[in-house]
Protein backbone atom coordinates (compact mmCIF):
# COMPACT_ATOMS: atom_id res chain seq x y z
CA MET A 1 19.00 7.34 -44.33
CA ILE A 2 15.74 9.54 -43.79
CA ILE A 3 15.45 11.53 -40.30
CA TRP A 4 11.61 12.58 -40.42
CA LEU A 5 10.86 15.17 -37.74
CA ASN A 6 7.22 15.47 -36.64
CA GLY A 7 5.60 17.67 -34.21
CA ALA A 8 3.45 20.39 -33.12
CA PHE A 9 3.70 24.01 -34.56
CA GLY A 10 6.65 25.93 -33.23
CA VAL A 11 8.46 23.19 -31.22
CA GLY A 12 11.69 23.40 -33.63
CA LYS A 13 11.34 21.03 -36.22
CA THR A 14 12.92 23.35 -38.77
CA GLN A 15 15.41 24.69 -36.63
CA THR A 16 16.29 20.88 -35.62
CA ALA A 17 16.45 19.84 -39.05
CA PHE A 18 18.81 22.48 -40.20
CA GLU A 19 21.13 21.67 -37.16
CA LEU A 20 21.25 18.05 -38.17
CA HIS A 21 21.89 19.05 -41.55
CA SER A 22 24.91 21.22 -40.33
CA ARG A 23 26.29 18.34 -38.57
CA ILE A 24 25.61 15.43 -41.28
CA PRO A 25 27.69 15.58 -44.17
CA GLY A 26 25.86 15.49 -47.46
CA SER A 27 22.86 15.69 -45.99
CA PHE A 28 19.88 18.04 -47.05
CA VAL A 29 16.66 19.51 -45.68
CA PHE A 30 13.45 18.58 -47.40
CA ASP A 31 10.62 21.02 -46.18
CA PRO A 32 7.14 20.25 -47.79
CA GLU A 33 5.72 23.27 -46.32
CA GLN A 34 7.97 25.30 -49.00
CA ILE A 35 6.11 22.98 -51.82
CA GLY A 36 2.86 24.31 -50.17
CA PHE A 37 3.64 27.71 -50.12
CA SER A 38 4.45 27.62 -53.80
CA LEU A 39 1.26 25.75 -54.60
CA ARG A 40 -0.59 28.21 -52.91
CA LYS A 41 0.86 31.24 -55.18
CA ILE A 42 0.22 29.41 -58.49
CA THR A 43 -3.70 28.18 -57.58
CA PRO A 44 -6.48 30.02 -58.56
CA SER A 45 -7.96 31.96 -55.60
CA GLU A 46 -11.30 30.10 -56.24
CA MET A 47 -9.55 26.57 -55.59
CA ARG A 48 -7.74 28.10 -52.40
CA LYS A 49 -10.45 27.48 -49.92
CA ASP A 50 -10.23 23.95 -49.24
CA PHE A 51 -7.00 23.20 -50.43
CA GLN A 52 -6.14 20.36 -48.12
CA ASP A 53 -8.80 18.40 -49.99
CA HIS A 54 -8.03 19.37 -53.57
CA PRO A 55 -6.93 16.23 -55.75
CA ILE A 56 -3.78 17.92 -56.97
CA LEU A 57 -2.70 17.99 -53.30
CA HIS A 58 -2.93 14.26 -53.21
CA THR A 59 -1.14 14.02 -56.33
CA PHE A 60 2.10 16.05 -55.13
CA ARG A 61 2.06 14.17 -51.87
CA SER A 62 2.31 10.88 -53.66
CA PHE A 63 4.94 12.44 -55.82
CA LEU A 64 6.94 13.84 -52.82
CA ARG A 65 6.65 10.39 -51.03
CA LEU A 66 8.12 8.80 -54.26
CA MET A 67 11.03 11.33 -54.38
CA MET A 68 12.05 10.64 -51.08
CA CYS A 69 12.56 7.08 -51.63
CA ILE A 70 14.88 7.86 -54.49
CA LYS A 71 18.49 8.19 -53.71
CA LEU A 72 19.70 11.36 -55.42
């Protein structure tokens, strides 16, 4: 089962995810924002300006969608 939380900034998506995690045995929280933070740290500064449009981000998004479909 995948529970996908979506909403505006600051409405409590992360808090809700961790609350669900604490109540559902064997669950985990996948926060793609953490991937974005990591990518920003390792990306050269000249490539950070329009990061949303950078081809590598589209590749990572595709990879993450695939990984979310695989039951570990």
